[in-house]
């Protein structure tokens, strides 16, 4: 069941685009259903981003790096990550 939901979430942008092309804009039920589906997908995406952010800060490896004020560019971050992976 979880696998099916993950597949649906993965393909949801394409599904929403196809529905947008096929929707009857004069039918209020179709319009409200599309808007509800779009908003629910947006909530899922935002919750996944917030969960990933929470996990990022709770991971011991990345929390050390995220609090480092010397990192100014992405290359600095990648060097720190490579340094951590070499230590292990």
N, C-alpha and C. Protein backbone atom coordinates (compact mmCIF):
# COMPACT_ATOMS: atom_id res chain seq x y z
N UNK A 1 0.83 -1.20 0.00
CA UNK A 1 0.00 0.00 0.00
C UNK A 1 0.87 1.26 0.00
N UNK A 2 1.92 1.26 0.81
CA UNK A 2 2.80 2.42 0.87
C UNK A 2 3.52 2.60 -0.46
N UNK A 3 3.90 1.50 -1.08
CA UNK A 3 4.59 1.56 -2.37
C UNK A 3 3.70 2.20 -3.44
N UNK A 4 2.42 1.86 -3.42
CA UNK A 4 1.48 2.43 -4.39
C UNK A 4 1.34 3.93 -4.18
N UNK A 5 1.26 4.36 -2.92
CA UNK A 5 1.15 5.79 -2.62
C UNK A 5 2.41 6.53 -3.07
N UNK A 6 3.58 5.93 -2.88
CA UNK A 6 4.82 6.56 -3.32
C UNK A 6 4.86 6.70 -4.84
N UNK A 7 4.38 5.70 -5.54
CA UNK A 7 4.34 5.78 -7.00
C UNK A 7 3.38 6.87 -7.46
N UNK A 8 2.23 6.96 -6.81
CA UNK A 8 1.24 7.99 -7.17
C UNK A 8 1.82 9.38 -6.92
N UNK A 9 2.50 9.57 -5.80
CA UNK A 9 3.10 10.87 -5.49
C UNK A 9 4.19 11.21 -6.50
N UNK A 10 4.94 10.20 -6.92
CA UNK A 10 6.01 10.42 -7.90
C UNK A 10 5.44 10.87 -9.24
N UNK A 11 4.33 10.30 -9.67
CA UNK A 11 3.75 10.61 -10.96
C UNK A 11 2.67 11.70 -10.90
N UNK A 12 2.44 12.28 -9.74
CA UNK A 12 1.37 13.25 -9.57
C UNK A 12 1.50 14.49 -10.46
N UNK A 13 2.68 15.05 -10.71
CA UNK A 13 2.72 16.21 -11.62
C UNK A 13 2.19 15.89 -13.02
N UNK A 14 2.51 14.72 -13.52
CA UNK A 14 2.01 14.33 -14.85
C UNK A 14 0.51 14.10 -14.80
N UNK A 15 0.05 13.46 -13.73
CA UNK A 15 -1.39 13.22 -13.57
C UNK A 15 -2.14 14.55 -13.49
N UNK A 16 -1.61 15.49 -12.72
CA UNK A 16 -2.26 16.79 -12.60
C UNK A 16 -2.27 17.54 -13.94
N UNK A 17 -1.20 17.43 -14.70
CA UNK A 17 -1.17 18.09 -16.01
C UNK A 17 -2.21 17.49 -16.95
N UNK A 18 -2.29 16.17 -16.99
CA UNK A 18 -3.28 15.52 -17.86
C UNK A 18 -4.70 15.88 -17.42
N UNK A 19 -4.92 15.90 -16.12
CA UNK A 19 -6.25 16.29 -15.63
C UNK A 19 -6.57 17.74 -15.98
N UNK A 20 -5.56 18.59 -15.95
CA UNK A 20 -5.77 19.99 -16.30
C UNK A 20 -6.23 20.12 -17.75
N UNK A 21 -5.68 19.29 -18.62
CA UNK A 21 -6.08 19.34 -20.02
C UNK A 21 -7.47 18.75 -20.24
N UNK A 22 -7.84 17.78 -19.42
CA UNK A 22 -9.09 17.06 -19.62
C UNK A 22 -10.26 17.60 -18.80
N UNK A 23 -10.01 18.49 -17.89
CA UNK A 23 -11.05 18.94 -16.95
C UNK A 23 -12.12 19.77 -17.69
N UNK A 24 -13.35 19.60 -17.27
CA UNK A 24 -14.44 20.41 -17.78
C UNK A 24 -14.55 21.64 -16.88
N UNK A 25 -14.13 22.77 -17.39
CA UNK A 25 -14.04 23.98 -16.56
C UNK A 25 -15.41 24.57 -16.22
N UNK A 26 -16.44 24.13 -16.89
CA UNK A 26 -17.80 24.60 -16.59
C UNK A 26 -18.44 23.77 -15.47
N UNK A 27 -17.87 22.62 -15.20
CA UNK A 27 -18.40 21.75 -14.16
C UNK A 27 -17.68 22.07 -12.83
N UNK A 28 -18.43 22.59 -11.87
CA UNK A 28 -17.84 23.01 -10.61
C UNK A 28 -17.26 21.84 -9.81
N UNK A 29 -17.85 20.68 -9.94
CA UNK A 29 -17.33 19.52 -9.22
C UNK A 29 -15.95 19.14 -9.74
N UNK A 30 -15.76 19.18 -11.05
CA UNK A 30 -14.45 18.89 -11.62
C UNK A 30 -13.41 19.91 -11.16
N UNK A 31 -13.78 21.17 -11.18
CA UNK A 31 -12.86 22.24 -10.80
C UNK A 31 -12.48 22.12 -9.33
N UNK A 32 -13.46 21.93 -8.47
CA UNK A 32 -13.18 21.81 -7.03
C UNK A 32 -12.36 20.54 -6.73
N UNK A 33 -12.64 19.47 -7.43
CA UNK A 33 -11.87 18.24 -7.24
C UNK A 33 -10.42 18.44 -7.65
N UNK A 34 -10.21 19.12 -8.77
CA UNK A 34 -8.85 19.38 -9.23
C UNK A 34 -8.11 20.27 -8.25
N UNK A 35 -8.76 21.31 -7.78
CA UNK A 35 -8.12 22.22 -6.82
C UNK A 35 -7.80 21.48 -5.52
N UNK A 36 -8.71 20.63 -5.06
CA UNK A 36 -8.46 19.85 -3.84
C UNK A 36 -7.28 18.91 -4.03
N UNK A 37 -7.21 18.24 -5.16
CA UNK A 37 -6.09 17.35 -5.45
C UNK A 37 -4.78 18.12 -5.52
N UNK A 38 -4.81 19.27 -6.14
CA UNK A 38 -3.61 20.10 -6.25
C UNK A 38 -3.14 20.58 -4.89
N UNK A 39 -4.06 21.03 -4.05
CA UNK A 39 -3.69 21.49 -2.71
C UNK A 39 -3.20 20.35 -1.83
N UNK A 40 -3.80 19.19 -1.94
CA UNK A 40 -3.33 18.05 -1.14
C UNK A 40 -1.94 17.62 -1.58
N UNK A 41 -1.66 17.65 -2.88
CA UNK A 41 -0.31 17.33 -3.36
C UNK A 41 0.69 18.36 -2.86
N UNK A 42 0.29 19.63 -2.83
CA UNK A 42 1.17 20.68 -2.31
C UNK A 42 1.47 20.45 -0.83
N UNK A 43 0.48 20.06 -0.06
CA UNK A 43 0.68 19.78 1.36
C UNK A 43 1.65 18.62 1.54
N UNK A 44 1.52 17.60 0.71
CA UNK A 44 2.43 16.45 0.79
C UNK A 44 3.85 16.88 0.49
N UNK A 45 4.06 17.69 -0.55
CA UNK A 45 5.40 18.14 -0.89
C UNK A 45 6.02 18.99 0.21
N UNK A 46 5.24 19.91 0.75
CA UNK A 46 5.76 20.78 1.82
C UNK A 46 6.09 19.96 3.06
N UNK A 47 5.25 18.99 3.39
CA UNK A 47 5.53 18.17 4.57
C UNK A 47 6.78 17.32 4.36
N UNK A 48 7.01 16.83 3.13
CA UNK A 48 8.22 16.07 2.86
C UNK A 48 9.45 16.95 2.98
N UNK A 49 9.38 18.19 2.53
CA UNK A 49 10.50 19.12 2.64
C UNK A 49 10.80 19.43 4.10
N UNK A 50 9.76 19.70 4.87
CA UNK A 50 9.96 20.01 6.29
C UNK A 50 10.50 18.81 7.05
N UNK A 51 10.06 17.61 6.71
CA UNK A 51 10.58 16.41 7.34
C UNK A 51 12.06 16.20 7.00
N UNK A 52 12.42 16.44 5.74
CA UNK A 52 13.82 16.31 5.33
C UNK A 52 14.69 17.33 6.05
N UNK A 53 14.16 18.53 6.24
CA UNK A 53 14.91 19.57 6.96
C UNK A 53 15.11 19.15 8.41
N UNK A 54 14.08 18.60 9.02
CA UNK A 54 14.18 18.14 10.40
C UNK A 54 15.20 17.00 10.53
N UNK A 55 15.15 16.08 9.60
CA UNK A 55 16.10 14.96 9.61
C UNK A 55 17.53 15.44 9.37
N UNK A 56 17.68 16.45 8.54
CA UNK A 56 19.01 16.99 8.23
C UNK A 56 19.65 17.53 9.50
N UNK A 57 18.88 18.25 10.30
CA UNK A 57 19.45 18.86 11.50
C UNK A 57 19.61 17.86 12.63
N UNK A 58 18.90 16.74 12.59
CA UNK A 58 19.04 15.75 13.65
C UNK A 58 20.11 14.70 13.32
N UNK A 59 20.57 14.65 12.07
CA UNK A 59 21.62 13.71 11.69
C UNK A 59 22.94 14.19 12.29
N UNK A 60 23.62 13.35 13.05
CA UNK A 60 24.84 13.82 13.72
C UNK A 60 25.93 14.23 12.74
N UNK A 61 25.99 13.58 11.59
CA UNK A 61 27.04 13.91 10.63
C UNK A 61 26.82 15.28 10.01
N UNK A 62 25.61 15.56 9.59
CA UNK A 62 25.35 16.82 8.91
C UNK A 62 25.07 17.97 9.88
N UNK A 63 24.70 17.67 11.11
CA UNK A 63 24.44 18.77 12.05
C UNK A 63 25.73 19.48 12.42
N UNK A 64 26.84 18.76 12.44
CA UNK A 64 28.13 19.42 12.69
C UNK A 64 28.46 20.40 11.58
N UNK A 65 28.19 19.97 10.36
CA UNK A 65 28.52 20.82 9.21
C UNK A 65 27.56 21.99 9.09
N UNK A 66 26.29 21.77 9.38
CA UNK A 66 25.31 22.85 9.21
C UNK A 66 25.52 23.98 10.21
N UNK A 67 26.18 23.70 11.32
CA UNK A 67 26.44 24.77 12.30
C UNK A 67 27.78 25.46 12.05
N UNK A 68 28.55 25.01 11.07
CA UNK A 68 29.85 25.60 10.76
C UNK A 68 29.65 26.90 10.00
N UNK A 69 30.15 28.00 10.53
CA UNK A 69 29.98 29.32 9.92
C UNK A 69 31.00 29.60 8.82
N UNK A 70 32.02 28.72 8.68
CA UNK A 70 33.04 28.94 7.66
C UNK A 70 32.58 28.51 6.27
N UNK A 71 31.47 27.81 6.18
CA UNK A 71 30.98 27.35 4.88
C UNK A 71 30.23 28.50 4.21
N UNK A 72 30.78 28.95 3.08
CA UNK A 72 30.18 30.04 2.33
C UNK A 72 29.62 29.58 0.99
N UNK A 73 30.24 28.54 0.42
CA UNK A 73 29.84 28.07 -0.91
C UNK A 73 29.55 26.58 -0.85
N UNK A 74 28.92 26.10 -1.90
CA UNK A 74 28.62 24.68 -1.98
C UNK A 74 29.90 23.85 -2.05
N UNK A 75 30.95 24.38 -2.66
CA UNK A 75 32.21 23.64 -2.74
C UNK A 75 32.81 23.45 -1.35
N UNK A 76 32.66 24.45 -0.48
CA UNK A 76 33.12 24.30 0.91
C UNK A 76 32.36 23.19 1.61
N UNK A 77 31.06 23.15 1.38
CA UNK A 77 30.23 22.12 1.99
C UNK A 77 30.64 20.73 1.50
N UNK A 78 30.86 20.60 0.20
CA UNK A 78 31.24 19.30 -0.36
C UNK A 78 32.60 18.85 0.16
N UNK A 79 33.53 19.79 0.35
CA UNK A 79 34.83 19.44 0.92
C UNK A 79 34.68 18.93 2.35
N UNK A 80 33.83 19.56 3.12
CA UNK A 80 33.59 19.10 4.50
C UNK A 80 32.96 17.71 4.52
N UNK A 81 31.99 17.48 3.61
CA UNK A 81 31.37 16.17 3.54
C UNK A 81 32.37 15.10 3.12
N UNK A 82 33.26 15.43 2.17
CA UNK A 82 34.29 14.48 1.77
C UNK A 82 35.24 14.20 2.92
N UNK A 83 35.56 15.23 3.69
CA UNK A 83 36.42 15.03 4.87
C UNK A 83 35.79 14.12 5.90
N UNK A 84 34.48 14.26 6.09
CA UNK A 84 33.78 13.38 7.04
C UNK A 84 33.72 11.94 6.54
N UNK A 85 33.53 11.77 5.24
CA UNK A 85 33.45 10.40 4.71
C UNK A 85 34.81 9.71 4.74
N UNK A 86 35.89 10.48 4.62
CA UNK A 86 37.23 9.90 4.70
C UNK A 86 37.57 9.50 6.13
N UNK A 87 37.02 10.20 7.12
CA UNK A 87 37.29 9.87 8.51
C UNK A 87 36.68 8.53 8.89
N UNK A 88 35.59 8.17 8.23
CA UNK A 88 34.92 6.92 8.58
C UNK A 88 35.56 5.79 7.92
